[in-house]
Amino acid sequence: MKVWTISFQDKDGVQQTHNLELEHRPSEEEAAQHLRPILFPVVNELDLNDLDGRSNAPTAEILKEQNAVRIISIVEASEQRL
C-alpha cells in the first residue's frame, strides 16, 4: 500500500497536509471524501444529492465553495526510514 500526501488550504488559509494509505493515486474527489469527515464531521452527514450527476467532484466542490478548503496537490509520500 502506498502513502499519499494530500496538501490542502484549510478554512483559515493555512496550508496543511494529511496522509492517506491507498494503492492508487487518489483523485481530487477521493481526497476530498477522505478529508471531509476529518475536517467537518457534522457536514459529512449531509446529503449531496443536489450536486449528484451535475458535478464530477461534488465533495471537492462543496469543500471549496462552502468550507473554503482547497486541495492543492496529491503526491506520493517518500518513505523515510530512520
C-alpha atoms as a PDB file:
ATOM      1  CA  MET A   1       0.000   0.000   0.000  1.00  0.00           C
ATOM      2  CA  LYS A   2       1.330   3.452  -0.900  1.00  0.00           C
ATOM      3  CA  VAL A   3       1.123   6.580   1.226  1.00  0.00           C
ATOM      4  CA  TRP A   4      -0.136   9.730  -0.487  1.00  0.00           C
ATOM      5  CA  THR A   5       0.279  13.219   0.937  1.00  0.00           C
ATOM      6  CA  ILE A   6      -2.709  15.478   0.356  1.00  0.00           C
ATOM      7  CA  SER A   7      -1.791  19.157   0.625  1.00  0.00           C
ATOM      8  CA  PHE A   8      -4.711  21.499   1.133  1.00  0.00           C
ATOM      9  CA  GLN A   9      -5.531  25.006   2.185  1.00  0.00           C
ATOM     10  CA  ASP A  10      -7.804  24.969   5.226  1.00  0.00           C
ATOM     11  CA  LYS A  11     -10.679  27.327   6.020  1.00  0.00           C
ATOM     12  CA  ASP A  12      -8.234  29.773   7.640  1.00  0.00           C
ATOM     13  CA  GLY A  13      -5.981  29.868   4.560  1.00  0.00           C
ATOM     14  CA  VAL A  14      -3.249  27.796   6.209  1.00  0.00           C
ATOM     15  CA  GLN A  15      -1.600  25.066   4.144  1.00  0.00           C
ATOM     16  CA  GLN A  16      -1.992  21.652   5.797  1.00  0.00           C
ATOM     17  CA  THR A  17      -1.121  18.088   4.835  1.00  0.00           C
ATOM     18  CA  HIS A  18      -2.745  14.757   5.533  1.00  0.00           C
ATOM     19  CA  ASN A  19      -1.504  11.291   4.619  1.00  0.00           C
ATOM     20  CA  LEU A  20      -3.725   8.666   3.046  1.00  0.00           C
ATOM     21  CA  GLU A  21      -2.870   4.996   2.503  1.00  0.00           C
ATOM     22  CA  LEU A  22      -4.185   3.802  -0.822  1.00  0.00           C
ATOM     23  CA  GLU A  23      -2.916   1.507  -3.571  1.00  0.00           C
ATOM     24  CA  HIS A  24      -3.508   4.046  -6.364  1.00  0.00           C
ATOM     25  CA  ARG A  25      -3.147   7.827  -6.531  1.00  0.00           C
ATOM     26  CA  PRO A  26      -6.431   9.257  -5.236  1.00  0.00           C
ATOM     27  CA  SER A  27      -8.392  11.663  -7.402  1.00  0.00           C
ATOM     28  CA  GLU A  28      -9.245  15.088  -6.028  1.00  0.00           C
ATOM     29  CA  GLU A  29     -12.744  13.771  -5.269  1.00  0.00           C
ATOM     30  CA  GLU A  30     -11.401  10.737  -3.376  1.00  0.00           C
ATOM     31  CA  ALA A  31      -9.078  13.009  -1.388  1.00  0.00           C
ATOM     32  CA  ALA A  32     -11.986  15.341  -0.589  1.00  0.00           C
ATOM     33  CA  GLN A  33     -14.139  12.403   0.521  1.00  0.00           C
ATOM     34  CA  HIS A  34     -11.343  11.349   2.855  1.00  0.00           C
ATOM     35  CA  LEU A  35     -10.726  14.856   4.255  1.00  0.00           C
ATOM     36  CA  ARG A  36     -14.334  15.929   4.790  1.00  0.00           C
ATOM     37  CA  PRO A  37     -15.154  13.652   7.760  1.00  0.00           C
ATOM     38  CA  ILE A  38     -11.856  14.622   9.414  1.00  0.00           C
ATOM     39  CA  LEU A  39     -12.272  18.381   8.944  1.00  0.00           C
ATOM     40  CA  PHE A  40     -16.065  18.637   9.185  1.00  0.00           C
ATOM     41  CA  PRO A  41     -17.575  15.556  10.873  1.00  0.00           C
ATOM     42  CA  VAL A  42     -21.084  17.058  11.082  1.00  0.00           C
ATOM     43  CA  VAL A  43     -21.052  18.218   7.448  1.00  0.00           C
ATOM     44  CA  ASN A  44     -20.106  14.701   6.422  1.00  0.00           C
ATOM     45  CA  GLU A  45     -23.632  13.592   7.349  1.00  0.00           C
ATOM     46  CA  LEU A  46     -25.254  15.992   4.851  1.00  0.00           C
ATOM     47  CA  ASP A  47     -26.745  14.723   1.617  1.00  0.00           C
ATOM     48  CA  LEU A  48     -25.044  15.831  -1.612  1.00  0.00           C
ATOM     49  CA  ASN A  49     -27.973  14.853  -3.844  1.00  0.00           C
ATOM     50  CA  ASP A  50     -28.314  18.413  -5.117  1.00  0.00           C
ATOM     51  CA  LEU A  51     -24.954  18.022  -6.910  1.00  0.00           C
ATOM     52  CA  ASP A  52     -25.282  14.352  -7.782  1.00  0.00           C
ATOM     53  CA  GLY A  53     -24.894  13.945 -11.528  1.00  0.00           C
ATOM     54  CA  ARG A  54     -24.218  17.654 -12.055  1.00  0.00           C
ATOM     55  CA  SER A  55     -20.630  17.636 -10.870  1.00  0.00           C
ATOM     56  CA  ASN A  56     -17.725  15.258 -11.413  1.00  0.00           C
ATOM     57  CA  ALA A  57     -16.394  16.080  -7.941  1.00  0.00           C
ATOM     58  CA  PRO A  58     -19.296  17.134  -5.681  1.00  0.00           C
ATOM     59  CA  THR A  59     -17.392  16.636  -2.410  1.00  0.00           C
ATOM     60  CA  ALA A  60     -14.381  18.655  -3.588  1.00  0.00           C
ATOM     61  CA  GLU A  61     -16.730  21.347  -4.894  1.00  0.00           C
ATOM     62  CA  ILE A  62     -18.629  21.561  -1.576  1.00  0.00           C
ATOM     63  CA  LEU A  63     -15.401  21.757   0.418  1.00  0.00           C
ATOM     64  CA  LYS A  64     -14.133  24.579  -1.771  1.00  0.00           C
ATOM     65  CA  GLU A  65     -17.323  26.624  -2.154  1.00  0.00           C
ATOM     66  CA  GLN A  66     -18.938  26.194   1.272  1.00  0.00           C
ATOM     67  CA  ASN A  67     -15.993  25.463   3.560  1.00  0.00           C
ATOM     68  CA  ALA A  68     -13.134  27.336   1.841  1.00  0.00           C
ATOM     69  CA  VAL A  69     -10.969  24.190   1.747  1.00  0.00           C
ATOM     70  CA  ARG A  70      -8.969  23.768  -1.445  1.00  0.00           C
ATOM     71  CA  ILE A  71      -6.910  20.712  -2.341  1.00  0.00           C
ATOM     72  CA  ILE A  72      -3.553  21.903  -3.632  1.00  0.00           C
ATOM     73  CA  SER A  73      -1.770  18.669  -4.526  1.00  0.00           C
ATOM     74  CA  ILE A  74      -1.718  14.901  -4.105  1.00  0.00           C
ATOM     75  CA  VAL A  75       1.748  13.349  -4.228  1.00  0.00           C
ATOM     76  CA  GLU A  76       3.245  10.053  -3.186  1.00  0.00           C
ATOM     77  CA  ALA A  77       4.936  10.434   0.187  1.00  0.00           C
ATOM     78  CA  SER A  78       8.583   9.497   0.257  1.00  0.00           C
ATOM     79  CA  GLU A  79       9.303   6.646   2.616  1.00  0.00           C
ATOM     80  CA  GLN A  80      11.762   7.702   5.265  1.00  0.00           C
ATOM     81  CA  ARG A  81      13.417   5.048   7.394  1.00  0.00           C
ATOM     82  CA  LEU A  82      15.439   6.062  10.428  1.00  0.00           C
END
